[in-house]
Amino acid sequence: MDKIVRILEEIELPFAYDHFAEGESPEPPFICYLTPKSEYFSADGGVYHRIYDVHIEVYTNKKDTDIETKVEAVLDKHKIFYNKSEIWIDSEKLYETIYSFGTEVD
């Protein structure tokens, strides 16, 4: 997932895979990313094509269109077609914007 890490570095927000360790979570805004699903295509007894679903979850204290614009600009730059959803997490008092897309394994 080197490609995803390089993309996240361009966004310039703290990030971690799935979650930050207890007590190490930075103040918002920050990103968690994960690969909840993968699809392998095979032929002739071997895997020849691997695709991972990727979720980039941006956490903020309030809806932040400047951060969303920055994330989207980086994804656009890398020609990544994404779906976007957003929710308020009342228990955490955080706003979550999720960018979902598929990518080949590098």
Protein backbone atom coordinates (compact mmCIF):
# COMPACT_ATOMS: atom_id res chain seq x y z
CA MET A 1 0.00 0.00 0.00
CA ASP A 2 2.97 2.28 -0.62
CA LYS A 3 0.91 4.21 -3.16
CA ILE A 4 -1.74 5.07 -0.55
CA VAL A 5 0.88 6.14 2.00
CA ARG A 6 2.50 8.46 -0.57
CA ILE A 7 -0.90 10.00 -1.34
CA LEU A 8 -1.64 10.50 2.37
CA GLU A 9 1.74 12.17 2.88
CA GLU A 10 0.77 14.72 0.21
CA ILE A 11 -2.38 15.63 2.15
CA GLU A 12 -0.15 16.63 5.09
CA LEU A 13 -2.41 15.51 7.95
CA PRO A 14 -1.45 12.97 10.61
CA PHE A 15 -2.57 9.49 9.54
CA ALA A 16 -2.61 5.87 10.70
CA TYR A 17 -3.84 2.56 9.38
CA ASP A 18 -7.28 1.79 10.88
CA HIS A 19 -6.72 3.71 14.13
CA PHE A 20 -4.15 5.44 16.30
CA ALA A 21 -2.88 3.57 19.35
CA GLU A 22 -4.67 4.43 22.58
CA GLY A 23 -3.35 7.73 23.90
CA GLU A 24 -1.57 8.56 20.62
CA SER A 25 -4.45 10.04 18.67
CA PRO A 26 -3.61 13.57 17.50
CA GLU A 27 -5.97 16.49 17.77
CA PRO A 28 -8.29 16.76 14.75
CA PRO A 29 -7.98 17.02 11.85
CA PHE A 30 -6.44 13.61 11.19
CA ILE A 31 -6.90 10.64 8.86
CA CYS A 32 -7.38 6.92 9.34
CA TYR A 33 -7.26 4.68 6.31
CA LEU A 34 -8.07 1.02 5.82
CA THR A 35 -8.55 -1.66 3.21
CA PRO A 36 -11.71 -3.48 4.30
CA LYS A 37 -12.01 -5.68 1.23
CA SER A 38 -10.01 -7.03 -1.69
CA GLU A 39 -10.77 -8.81 -4.93
CA TYR A 40 -8.39 -11.16 -6.65
CA PHE A 41 -8.77 -12.19 -10.26
CA SER A 42 -7.13 -15.38 -11.37
CA ALA A 43 -6.51 -17.47 -14.42
CA ASP A 44 -4.51 -20.58 -15.15
CA GLY A 45 -4.23 -21.41 -11.47
CA GLY A 46 -2.72 -18.08 -10.35
CA VAL A 47 -3.70 -14.62 -9.22
CA TYR A 48 -2.92 -12.05 -11.88
CA HIS A 49 -4.81 -8.99 -10.71
CA ARG A 50 -5.34 -7.69 -7.14
CA ILE A 51 -7.67 -4.82 -6.31
CA TYR A 52 -8.10 -3.38 -2.82
CA ASP A 53 -10.99 -1.25 -1.63
CA VAL A 54 -9.56 1.72 0.24
CA HIS A 55 -11.30 4.01 2.72
CA ILE A 56 -9.68 7.31 3.66
CA GLU A 57 -11.51 8.65 6.70
CA VAL A 58 -10.95 12.33 7.50
CA TYR A 59 -11.87 13.36 11.04
CA THR A 60 -12.52 16.99 11.98
CA ASN A 61 -14.21 18.88 14.81
CA LYS A 62 -16.59 20.48 12.30
CA LYS A 63 -17.28 20.22 8.60
CA ASP A 64 -14.15 21.61 6.98
CA THR A 65 -14.52 22.25 3.25
CA ASP A 66 -10.91 23.50 2.99
CA ILE A 67 -9.59 20.11 4.12
CA GLU A 68 -12.06 18.29 1.88
CA THR A 69 -10.92 20.39 -1.08
CA LYS A 70 -7.28 19.55 -0.32
CA VAL A 71 -7.96 15.80 -0.03
CA GLU A 72 -9.99 15.83 -3.25
CA ALA A 73 -7.29 17.77 -5.10
CA VAL A 74 -4.68 15.15 -4.16
CA LEU A 75 -6.99 12.29 -5.19
CA ASP A 76 -7.80 14.07 -8.45
CA LYS A 77 -4.10 14.66 -9.10
CA HIS A 78 -3.55 10.89 -8.89
CA LYS A 79 -6.59 10.25 -11.12
CA ILE A 80 -8.40 8.35 -8.39
CA PHE A 81 -12.15 8.05 -8.88
CA TYR A 82 -13.74 8.10 -5.43
CA ASN A 83 -17.09 8.08 -3.70
CA LYS A 84 -17.60 10.42 -0.79
CA SER A 85 -19.84 10.14 2.26
CA GLU A 86 -19.99 11.98 5.53
CA ILE A 87 -21.40 11.48 9.03
CA TRP A 88 -21.36 13.10 12.46
CA ILE A 89 -20.10 10.76 15.20
CA ASP A 90 -21.93 12.07 18.25
CA SER A 91 -20.11 9.84 20.76
CA GLU A 92 -16.74 11.20 19.60
CA LYS A 93 -17.95 14.71 18.72
CA LEU A 94 -16.19 14.34 15.38
CA TYR A 95 -17.24 14.84 11.80
CA GLU A 96 -16.11 12.03 9.47
CA THR A 97 -15.74 12.36 5.71
CA ILE A 98 -15.04 9.05 3.98
CA TYR A 99 -13.43 8.71 0.55
CA SER A 100 -13.84 5.20 -0.90
CA PHE A 101 -12.14 3.83 -3.99
CA GLY A 102 -10.50 0.77 -5.48
CA THR A 103 -6.83 0.53 -6.38
CA GLU A 104 -4.43 -2.07 -7.67
CA VAL A 105 -1.82 -3.41 -5.28
CA ASP A 106 1.65 -1.98 -5.87
